[in-house]
Amino acid sequence: MVRVTLQAVRVDLQSNTPVLLLQESDGEGRTLPIFIGTPEATAIAYATQGIEVPRPLTHDLLVDVVEALDASIREVEITSLEGSTFYAELHLVRGGEDIIVSARPSDAVALAVRTSCPLYVSESIMNSEGVVMDLSEDDDEVEEEVVVDQFREFLDTIQPEDFSG
C-alpha cells in the first residue's frame, strides 16, 4: 500500500465533475485522480475547510456512530479498480478486533478527513493510474469554492418530489 494525502478537491473543467486528488506522501509524487459526486465533494470540502453546519452531515453522523460503538477508524484503503469504478475499505478497530467495511472511495476519504486517519492506495492502482502533476496550492481554495457553489445550486433546484419513488 502507498500512503497518500488528500491534496485537493477540484472540478474537471471538461466534464464539470468533482475530482479528488490523492498524492503519495513519499516516492515519486504521483497523484491519483478519482472522480466523485458533487454532494461527496462538498462534504469533503466542508471538512477540509472546517465549515460547521447546524446539523451533522451523513459522514459526521457515521463518525459519531462509530465512536458511540466504541470503535475507531484506523485507516482507509483504496483497494481496487474494476473498469472505471474504484473500491475502498474502512479498517475499524473495536476492542482489539479488526473490522473491515467496504466503502465508496468518496465516502472513505470523507471519513478519513474527519478522523485524521491514514489514507492508502494499493500499489497496483498507483502504478497504473497515478500521474505526476503540478498541484498549485493557490488553486485549491478556488476549486473547493466551486464545488461548494455547485452543491448550493443543486440544493436550490431540488424539489421534494425528486425523492419520491
N, C-alpha and C. Protein backbone atom coordinates (compact mmCIF):
# COMPACT_ATOMS: atom_id res chain seq x y z
N MET A 1 0.84 -1.19 0.00
CA MET A 1 0.00 0.00 0.00
C MET A 1 0.88 1.25 0.00
N VAL A 2 0.41 2.27 -0.67
CA VAL A 2 1.11 3.55 -0.77
C VAL A 2 0.34 4.57 0.06
N ARG A 3 1.03 5.20 1.00
CA ARG A 3 0.37 6.23 1.81
C ARG A 3 0.17 7.48 0.96
N VAL A 4 -1.03 8.05 1.04
CA VAL A 4 -1.36 9.24 0.27
C VAL A 4 -2.00 10.28 1.19
N THR A 5 -2.04 11.51 0.69
CA THR A 5 -2.76 12.58 1.37
C THR A 5 -3.73 13.21 0.37
N LEU A 6 -4.80 13.74 0.89
CA LEU A 6 -5.74 14.47 0.05
C LEU A 6 -5.12 15.81 -0.27
N GLN A 7 -4.77 16.01 -1.52
CA GLN A 7 -4.16 17.27 -1.94
C GLN A 7 -5.19 18.31 -2.30
N ALA A 8 -6.29 17.88 -2.92
CA ALA A 8 -7.28 18.86 -3.36
C ALA A 8 -8.57 18.17 -3.77
N VAL A 9 -9.63 18.95 -3.73
CA VAL A 9 -10.89 18.60 -4.36
C VAL A 9 -11.07 19.64 -5.45
N ARG A 10 -11.08 19.20 -6.68
CA ARG A 10 -11.17 20.14 -7.80
C ARG A 10 -12.33 19.76 -8.70
N VAL A 11 -12.56 20.59 -9.69
CA VAL A 11 -13.60 20.31 -10.67
C VAL A 11 -12.93 20.16 -12.03
N ASP A 12 -13.16 19.01 -12.67
CA ASP A 12 -12.65 18.80 -14.02
C ASP A 12 -13.43 19.71 -14.96
N LEU A 13 -12.73 20.59 -15.64
CA LEU A 13 -13.39 21.59 -16.47
C LEU A 13 -14.08 20.99 -17.69
N GLN A 14 -13.58 19.88 -18.21
CA GLN A 14 -14.21 19.26 -19.38
C GLN A 14 -15.54 18.61 -19.04
N SER A 15 -15.58 17.89 -17.93
CA SER A 15 -16.79 17.16 -17.56
C SER A 15 -17.61 17.89 -16.49
N ASN A 16 -17.05 18.94 -15.91
CA ASN A 16 -17.69 19.68 -14.82
C ASN A 16 -18.00 18.75 -13.65
N THR A 17 -17.10 17.80 -13.41
CA THR A 17 -17.26 16.80 -12.37
C THR A 17 -16.18 16.97 -11.31
N PRO A 18 -16.56 16.89 -10.02
CA PRO A 18 -15.54 16.98 -8.97
C PRO A 18 -14.57 15.81 -9.04
N VAL A 19 -13.34 16.08 -8.68
CA VAL A 19 -12.30 15.05 -8.69
C VAL A 19 -11.44 15.20 -7.44
N LEU A 20 -11.20 14.07 -6.77
CA LEU A 20 -10.27 14.04 -5.64
C LEU A 20 -8.87 13.85 -6.19
N LEU A 21 -7.91 14.53 -5.61
CA LEU A 21 -6.52 14.33 -5.99
C LEU A 21 -5.78 13.82 -4.77
N LEU A 22 -5.41 12.54 -4.81
CA LEU A 22 -4.70 11.89 -3.71
C LEU A 22 -3.24 11.75 -4.12
N GLN A 23 -2.35 12.41 -3.38
CA GLN A 23 -0.93 12.42 -3.74
C GLN A 23 -0.15 11.55 -2.77
N GLU A 24 0.75 10.72 -3.35
CA GLU A 24 1.56 9.86 -2.48
C GLU A 24 2.44 10.70 -1.58
N SER A 25 2.57 10.25 -0.34
CA SER A 25 3.31 11.01 0.66
C SER A 25 4.81 10.95 0.44
N ASP A 26 5.31 9.81 -0.02
CA ASP A 26 6.73 9.63 -0.30
C ASP A 26 6.87 9.14 -1.73
N GLY A 27 8.08 9.08 -2.20
CA GLY A 27 8.30 8.49 -3.51
C GLY A 27 8.29 9.50 -4.63
N GLU A 28 7.62 9.15 -5.71
CA GLU A 28 7.67 9.92 -6.95
C GLU A 28 6.73 11.11 -6.99
N GLY A 29 5.88 11.27 -5.99
CA GLY A 29 4.93 12.37 -6.01
C GLY A 29 3.77 12.15 -6.95
N ARG A 30 3.45 10.88 -7.22
CA ARG A 30 2.33 10.59 -8.11
C ARG A 30 1.02 10.98 -7.45
N THR A 31 0.05 11.32 -8.28
CA THR A 31 -1.27 11.71 -7.81
C THR A 31 -2.31 10.81 -8.45
N LEU A 32 -3.26 10.36 -7.65
CA LEU A 32 -4.36 9.54 -8.14
C LEU A 32 -5.61 10.39 -8.22
N PRO A 33 -6.13 10.64 -9.43
CA PRO A 33 -7.40 11.37 -9.54
C PRO A 33 -8.57 10.39 -9.47
N ILE A 34 -9.58 10.72 -8.66
CA ILE A 34 -10.79 9.91 -8.56
C ILE A 34 -11.98 10.84 -8.71
N PHE A 35 -12.79 10.60 -9.74
CA PHE A 35 -13.99 11.41 -9.95
C PHE A 35 -15.07 10.99 -8.97
N ILE A 36 -15.74 11.99 -8.38
CA ILE A 36 -16.75 11.73 -7.36
C ILE A 36 -17.96 12.62 -7.61
N GLY A 37 -19.01 12.42 -6.83
CA GLY A 37 -20.21 13.23 -6.95
C GLY A 37 -20.08 14.56 -6.23
N THR A 38 -20.92 15.49 -6.62
CA THR A 38 -20.90 16.83 -6.02
C THR A 38 -21.22 16.81 -4.52
N PRO A 39 -22.24 16.06 -4.06
CA PRO A 39 -22.50 16.06 -2.61
C PRO A 39 -21.31 15.55 -1.79
N GLU A 40 -20.65 14.50 -2.29
CA GLU A 40 -19.49 13.96 -1.57
C GLU A 40 -18.33 14.95 -1.60
N ALA A 41 -18.14 15.60 -2.74
CA ALA A 41 -17.07 16.60 -2.85
C ALA A 41 -17.33 17.75 -1.88
N THR A 42 -18.58 18.14 -1.76
CA THR A 42 -18.94 19.21 -0.84
C THR A 42 -18.67 18.79 0.60
N ALA A 43 -19.03 17.56 0.94
CA ALA A 43 -18.79 17.07 2.30
C ALA A 43 -17.30 17.06 2.63
N ILE A 44 -16.49 16.67 1.67
CA ILE A 44 -15.04 16.65 1.87
C ILE A 44 -14.50 18.07 1.97
N ALA A 45 -14.97 18.95 1.09
CA ALA A 45 -14.52 20.35 1.12
C ALA A 45 -14.90 21.02 2.43
N TYR A 46 -16.11 20.77 2.92
CA TYR A 46 -16.53 21.33 4.21
C TYR A 46 -15.56 20.90 5.31
N ALA A 47 -15.23 19.61 5.33
CA ALA A 47 -14.35 19.10 6.39
C ALA A 47 -12.95 19.69 6.28
N THR A 48 -12.42 19.79 5.07
CA THR A 48 -11.06 20.32 4.92
C THR A 48 -10.99 21.81 5.23
N GLN A 49 -12.10 22.51 5.01
CA GLN A 49 -12.13 23.95 5.28
C GLN A 49 -12.63 24.27 6.68
N GLY A 50 -13.03 23.25 7.44
CA GLY A 50 -13.52 23.47 8.79
C GLY A 50 -14.87 24.16 8.85
N ILE A 51 -15.68 24.01 7.81
CA ILE A 51 -17.01 24.63 7.79
C ILE A 51 -17.95 23.84 8.68
N GLU A 52 -18.56 24.51 9.62
CA GLU A 52 -19.50 23.88 10.54
C GLU A 52 -20.92 24.04 10.00
N VAL A 53 -21.70 22.99 10.10
CA VAL A 53 -23.10 23.04 9.68
C VAL A 53 -23.98 22.83 10.91
N PRO A 54 -25.21 23.38 10.89
CA PRO A 54 -26.05 23.29 12.09
C PRO A 54 -26.42 21.86 12.49
N ARG A 55 -26.56 20.98 11.51
CA ARG A 55 -26.88 19.59 11.79
C ARG A 55 -25.80 18.72 11.15
N PRO A 56 -25.53 17.55 11.72
CA PRO A 56 -24.45 16.71 11.17
C PRO A 56 -24.77 16.22 9.76
N LEU A 57 -23.75 16.26 8.91
CA LEU A 57 -23.86 15.65 7.59
C LEU A 57 -23.73 14.14 7.75
N THR A 58 -24.04 13.40 6.72
CA THR A 58 -24.02 11.94 6.79
C THR A 58 -22.69 11.40 7.30
N HIS A 59 -21.59 11.96 6.81
CA HIS A 59 -20.27 11.46 7.23
C HIS A 59 -19.98 11.81 8.68
N ASP A 60 -20.45 12.96 9.14
CA ASP A 60 -20.31 13.31 10.56
C ASP A 60 -21.11 12.32 11.42
N LEU A 61 -22.31 12.00 10.96
CA LEU A 61 -23.15 11.04 11.67
C LEU A 61 -22.47 9.68 11.75
N LEU A 62 -21.88 9.24 10.66
CA LEU A 62 -21.21 7.94 10.67
C LEU A 62 -20.03 7.92 11.65
N VAL A 63 -19.27 8.99 11.70
CA VAL A 63 -18.17 9.08 12.67
C VAL A 63 -18.74 8.99 14.08
N ASP A 64 -19.85 9.69 14.34
CA ASP A 64 -20.49 9.64 15.66
C ASP A 64 -20.95 8.23 16.00
N VAL A 65 -21.51 7.51 15.03
CA VAL A 65 -21.97 6.14 15.26
C VAL A 65 -20.79 5.23 15.57
N VAL A 66 -19.73 5.33 14.79
CA VAL A 66 -18.53 4.51 15.03
C VAL A 66 -18.01 4.75 16.44
N GLU A 67 -17.92 6.01 16.84
CA GLU A 67 -17.43 6.34 18.18
C GLU A 67 -18.39 5.88 19.27
N ALA A 68 -19.70 5.98 19.03
CA ALA A 68 -20.69 5.53 20.01
C ALA A 68 -20.61 4.02 20.23
N LEU A 69 -20.12 3.30 19.23
CA LEU A 69 -19.95 1.86 19.34
C LEU A 69 -18.57 1.48 19.87
N ASP A 70 -17.87 2.47 20.44
CA ASP A 70 -16.53 2.27 20.99
C ASP A 70 -15.55 1.71 19.96
N ALA A 71 -15.68 2.17 18.74
CA ALA A 71 -14.76 1.77 17.67
C ALA A 71 -14.06 3.01 17.15
N SER A 72 -13.06 2.78 16.33
CA SER A 72 -12.37 3.90 15.67
C SER A 72 -11.96 3.46 14.27
N ILE A 73 -11.81 4.44 13.40
CA ILE A 73 -11.34 4.15 12.05
C ILE A 73 -9.82 4.23 12.08
N ARG A 74 -9.18 3.07 11.90
CA ARG A 74 -7.71 3.00 11.96
C ARG A 74 -7.08 3.54 10.68
N GLU A 75 -7.67 3.17 9.53
CA GLU A 75 -7.13 3.63 8.25
C GLU A 75 -8.18 3.40 7.16
N VAL A 76 -7.93 4.05 6.04
CA VAL A 76 -8.77 3.92 4.85
C VAL A 76 -7.87 3.45 3.72
N GLU A 77 -8.36 2.48 2.93
CA GLU A 77 -7.58 1.97 1.81
C GLU A 77 -8.41 1.99 0.54
N ILE A 78 -7.83 2.53 -0.53
CA ILE A 78 -8.40 2.40 -1.87
C ILE A 78 -7.78 1.11 -2.39
N THR A 79 -8.60 0.07 -2.54
CA THR A 79 -8.07 -1.28 -2.71
C THR A 79 -8.05 -1.81 -4.13
N SER A 80 -9.03 -1.42 -4.94
CA SER A 80 -9.09 -2.00 -6.28
C SER A 80 -9.79 -1.07 -7.26
N LEU A 81 -9.62 -1.40 -8.52
CA LEU A 81 -10.23 -0.67 -9.62
C LEU A 81 -10.78 -1.70 -10.59
N GLU A 82 -12.08 -1.67 -10.80
CA GLU A 82 -12.73 -2.58 -11.74
C GLU A 82 -13.43 -1.74 -12.80
N GLY A 83 -12.92 -1.79 -14.02
CA GLY A 83 -13.42 -0.91 -15.06
C GLY A 83 -13.03 0.51 -14.71
N SER A 84 -14.02 1.35 -14.49
CA SER A 84 -13.75 2.73 -14.07
C SER A 84 -14.20 2.98 -12.64
N THR A 85 -14.50 1.91 -11.90
CA THR A 85 -15.00 2.04 -10.53
C THR A 85 -13.93 1.66 -9.53
N PHE A 86 -13.62 2.60 -8.63
CA PHE A 86 -12.69 2.34 -7.55
C PHE A 86 -13.45 1.76 -6.36
N TYR A 87 -12.76 0.92 -5.58
CA TYR A 87 -13.32 0.34 -4.37
C TYR A 87 -12.42 0.68 -3.20
N ALA A 88 -13.04 0.84 -2.03
CA ALA A 88 -12.28 1.21 -0.84
C ALA A 88 -12.74 0.38 0.35
N GLU A 89 -11.93 0.43 1.39
CA GLU A 89 -12.26 -0.24 2.65
C GLU A 89 -11.98 0.69 3.81
N LEU A 90 -12.86 0.61 4.81
CA LEU A 90 -12.61 1.25 6.09
C LEU A 90 -12.07 0.17 7.01
N HIS A 91 -10.95 0.44 7.65
CA HIS A 91 -10.39 -0.50 8.63
C HIS A 91 -10.67 0.06 10.01
N LEU A 92 -11.60 -0.60 10.70
CA LEU A 92 -12.02 -0.17 12.02
C LEU A 92 -11.39 -1.06 13.09
N VAL A 93 -11.30 -0.54 14.28
CA VAL A 93 -10.83 -1.31 15.43
C VAL A 93 -11.85 -1.11 16.54
N ARG A 94 -12.25 -2.24 17.14
CA ARG A 94 -13.18 -2.19 18.27
C ARG A 94 -12.79 -3.27 19.26
N GLY A 95 -12.37 -2.84 20.44
CA GLY A 95 -11.98 -3.80 21.47
C GLY A 95 -10.89 -4.75 21.02
N GLY A 96 -9.93 -4.27 20.26
CA GLY A 96 -8.84 -5.10 19.78
C GLY A 96 -9.17 -5.91 18.54
N GLU A 97 -10.43 -5.88 18.11
CA GLU A 97 -10.85 -6.63 16.93
C GLU A 97 -10.80 -5.72 15.70
N ASP A 98 -10.23 -6.24 14.62
CA ASP A 98 -10.20 -5.50 13.35
C ASP A 98 -11.47 -5.81 12.57
N ILE A 99 -12.08 -4.76 12.05
CA ILE A 99 -13.30 -4.89 11.25
C ILE A 99 -13.06 -4.15 9.94
N ILE A 100 -13.34 -4.81 8.83
CA ILE A 100 -13.17 -4.19 7.52
C ILE A 100 -14.55 -4.01 6.89
N VAL A 101 -14.81 -2.78 6.44
CA VAL A 101 -16.10 -2.44 5.84
C VAL A 101 -15.85 -1.88 4.44
N SER A 102 -16.55 -2.41 3.46
CA SER A 102 -16.45 -1.91 2.09
C SER A 102 -17.09 -0.53 2.00
N ALA A 103 -16.49 0.35 1.19
CA ALA A 103 -17.00 1.72 1.07
C ALA A 103 -16.66 2.28 -0.30
N ARG A 104 -17.40 3.30 -0.69
CA ARG A 104 -17.02 4.06 -1.88
C ARG A 104 -15.82 4.92 -1.50
N PRO A 105 -14.89 5.13 -2.42
CA PRO A 105 -13.72 5.96 -2.09
C PRO A 105 -14.09 7.36 -1.61
N SER A 106 -15.12 7.97 -2.19
CA SER A 106 -15.51 9.32 -1.77
C SER A 106 -15.96 9.33 -0.31
N ASP A 107 -16.74 8.33 0.08
CA ASP A 107 -17.18 8.24 1.48
C ASP A 107 -16.00 7.93 2.40
N ALA A 108 -15.14 7.03 1.95
CA ALA A 108 -13.97 6.66 2.76
C ALA A 108 -13.06 7.86 2.98
N VAL A 109 -12.82 8.65 1.94
CA VAL A 109 -11.97 9.84 2.08
C VAL A 109 -12.65 10.87 2.97
N ALA A 110 -13.97 11.03 2.83
CA ALA A 110 -14.70 11.97 3.70
C ALA A 110 -14.54 11.58 5.16
N LEU A 111 -14.55 10.29 5.45
CA LEU A 111 -14.35 9.83 6.83
C LEU A 111 -12.90 9.99 7.27
N ALA A 112 -11.97 9.72 6.37
CA ALA A 112 -10.55 9.88 6.71
C ALA A 112 -10.24 11.33 7.07
N VAL A 113 -10.82 12.25 6.32
CA VAL A 113 -10.59 13.68 6.59
C VAL A 113 -11.14 14.05 7.96
N ARG A 114 -12.31 13.51 8.30
CA ARG A 114 -12.94 13.84 9.57
C ARG A 114 -12.24 13.22 10.78
N THR A 115 -11.59 12.08 10.57
CA THR A 115 -10.95 11.38 11.69
C THR A 115 -9.43 11.50 11.68
N SER A 116 -8.89 12.13 10.67
CA SER A 116 -7.43 12.28 10.52
C SER A 116 -6.70 10.94 10.50
N CYS A 117 -7.36 9.90 10.00
CA CYS A 117 -6.71 8.60 9.92
C CYS A 117 -5.90 8.50 8.63
N PRO A 118 -4.93 7.59 8.59
CA PRO A 118 -4.11 7.44 7.38
C PRO A 118 -4.94 6.95 6.19
N LEU A 119 -4.50 7.35 5.02
CA LEU A 119 -5.17 7.01 3.77
C LEU A 119 -4.15 6.32 2.87
N TYR A 120 -4.53 5.16 2.32
CA TYR A 120 -3.62 4.37 1.49
C TYR A 120 -4.29 4.01 0.15
N VAL A 121 -3.45 3.81 -0.85
CA VAL A 121 -3.89 3.34 -2.17
C VAL A 121 -3.04 2.13 -2.51
N SER A 122 -3.66 1.11 -3.10
CA SER A 122 -2.88 -0.08 -3.46
C SER A 122 -1.78 0.30 -4.45
N GLU A 123 -0.67 -0.39 -4.33
CA GLU A 123 0.48 -0.14 -5.20
C GLU A 123 0.11 -0.32 -6.67
N SER A 124 -0.68 -1.35 -6.97
CA SER A 124 -1.04 -1.61 -8.37
C SER A 124 -1.89 -0.48 -8.95
N ILE A 125 -2.79 0.08 -8.16
CA ILE A 125 -3.60 1.21 -8.65
C ILE A 125 -2.71 2.43 -8.87
N MET A 126 -1.83 2.70 -7.92
CA MET A 126 -0.96 3.87 -8.07
C MET A 126 -0.04 3.70 -9.28
N ASN A 127 0.43 2.47 -9.52
CA ASN A 127 1.29 2.22 -10.68
C ASN A 127 0.54 2.42 -12.00
N SER A 128 -0.71 2.00 -12.05
CA SER A 128 -1.45 2.07 -13.31
C SER A 128 -2.18 3.40 -13.51
N GLU A 129 -2.63 4.03 -12.44
CA GLU A 129 -3.48 5.22 -12.57
C GLU A 129 -2.84 6.50 -12.04
N GLY A 130 -1.77 6.37 -11.26
CA GLY A 130 -1.12 7.55 -10.69
C GLY A 130 -0.40 8.36 -11.76
N VAL A 131 -0.49 9.66 -11.66
CA VAL A 131 0.19 10.56 -12.60
C VAL A 131 0.95 11.62 -11.82
N VAL A 132 2.01 12.13 -12.42
CA VAL A 132 2.74 13.23 -11.81
C VAL A 132 2.12 14.50 -12.34
N MET A 133 1.66 15.36 -11.43
CA MET A 133 1.03 16.61 -11.85
C MET A 133 1.45 17.75 -10.95
N ASP A 134 1.35 18.95 -11.47
CA ASP A 134 1.66 20.16 -10.72
C ASP A 134 0.41 20.56 -9.96
N LEU A 135 0.47 20.48 -8.64
CA LEU A 135 -0.68 20.84 -7.80
C LEU A 135 -0.39 22.15 -7.10
N SER A 136 -0.75 23.23 -7.73
CA SER A 136 -0.53 24.55 -7.16
C SER A 136 -1.46 24.77 -5.99
N GLU A 137 -0.91 25.14 -4.85
CA GLU A 137 -1.70 25.38 -3.64
C GLU A 137 -2.69 26.52 -3.83
N ASP A 138 -2.37 27.50 -4.66
CA ASP A 138 -3.24 28.66 -4.83
C ASP A 138 -4.58 28.30 -5.43
N ASP A 139 -4.63 27.25 -6.23
CA ASP A 139 -5.87 26.87 -6.90
C ASP A 139 -6.82 26.10 -6.00
N ASP A 140 -6.33 25.52 -4.90
CA ASP A 140 -7.15 24.65 -4.06
C ASP A 140 -8.38 25.35 -3.52
N GLU A 141 -8.21 26.53 -2.94
CA GLU A 141 -9.35 27.23 -2.35
C GLU A 141 -10.38 27.59 -3.40
N VAL A 142 -9.95 28.03 -4.55
CA VAL A 142 -10.87 28.38 -5.63
C VAL A 142 -11.67 27.16 -6.06
N GLU A 143 -10.99 26.02 -6.25
CA GLU A 143 -11.67 24.82 -6.71
C GLU A 143 -12.65 24.31 -5.65
N GLU A 144 -12.29 24.34 -4.37
CA GLU A 144 -13.21 23.91 -3.33
C GLU A 144 -14.42 24.81 -3.28
N GLU A 145 -14.24 26.11 -3.50
CA GLU A 145 -15.37 27.03 -3.53
C GLU A 145 -16.30 26.71 -4.69
N VAL A 146 -15.75 26.31 -5.83
CA VAL A 146 -16.56 25.93 -6.98
C VAL A 146 -17.43 24.73 -6.62
N VAL A 147 -16.86 23.73 -5.96
CA VAL A 147 -17.61 22.55 -5.56
C VAL A 147 -18.73 22.93 -4.61
N VAL A 148 -18.45 23.76 -3.63
CA VAL A 148 -19.46 24.18 -2.67
C VAL A 148 -20.56 24.97 -3.38
N ASP A 149 -20.18 25.86 -4.29
CA ASP A 149 -21.18 26.63 -5.05
C ASP A 149 -22.06 25.71 -5.89
N GLN A 150 -21.47 24.69 -6.51
CA GLN A 150 -22.26 23.75 -7.30
C GLN A 150 -23.27 23.02 -6.43
N PHE A 151 -22.86 22.63 -5.23
CA PHE A 151 -23.77 21.93 -4.34
C PHE A 151 -24.89 22.85 -3.89
N ARG A 152 -24.58 24.10 -3.62
CA ARG A 152 -25.62 25.06 -3.24
C ARG A 152 -26.63 25.23 -4.38
N GLU A 153 -26.15 25.29 -5.62
CA GLU A 153 -27.05 25.37 -6.77
C GLU A 153 -27.94 24.14 -6.84
N PHE A 154 -27.36 22.96 -6.58
CA PHE A 154 -28.13 21.73 -6.57
C PHE A 154 -29.22 21.79 -5.50
N LEU A 155 -28.89 22.27 -4.31
CA LEU A 155 -29.87 22.38 -3.24
C LEU A 155 -30.98 23.37 -3.58
N ASP A 156 -30.65 24.42 -4.30
CA ASP A 156 -31.64 25.42 -4.69
C ASP A 156 -32.64 24.88 -5.70
N THR A 157 -32.25 23.88 -6.48
CA THR A 157 -33.13 23.39 -7.54
C THR A 157 -33.86 22.10 -7.19
N ILE A 158 -33.47 21.45 -6.12
CA ILE A 158 -34.08 20.16 -5.79
C ILE A 158 -35.47 20.37 -5.19
N GLN A 159 -36.37 19.46 -5.51
CA GLN A 159 -37.75 19.51 -5.03
C GLN A 159 -38.05 18.24 -4.23
N PRO A 160 -38.99 18.30 -3.27
CA PRO A 160 -39.35 17.09 -2.50
C PRO A 160 -39.78 15.94 -3.40
N GLU A 161 -40.43 16.26 -4.53
CA GLU A 161 -40.89 15.21 -5.44
C GLU A 161 -39.72 14.40 -6.02
N ASP A 162 -38.53 14.99 -6.05
CA ASP A 162 -37.37 14.29 -6.58
C ASP A 162 -37.01 13.06 -5.76
N PHE A 163 -37.51 13.00 -4.52
CA PHE A 163 -37.17 11.89 -3.63
C PHE A 163 -38.25 10.82 -3.58
N SER A 164 -39.39 11.06 -4.23
CA SER A 164 -40.46 10.06 -4.20
C SER A 164 -40.14 8.95 -5.17
N GLY A 165 -40.45 7.75 -4.79
CA GLY A 165 -40.06 6.61 -5.62
C GLY A 165 -41.23 5.94 -6.11
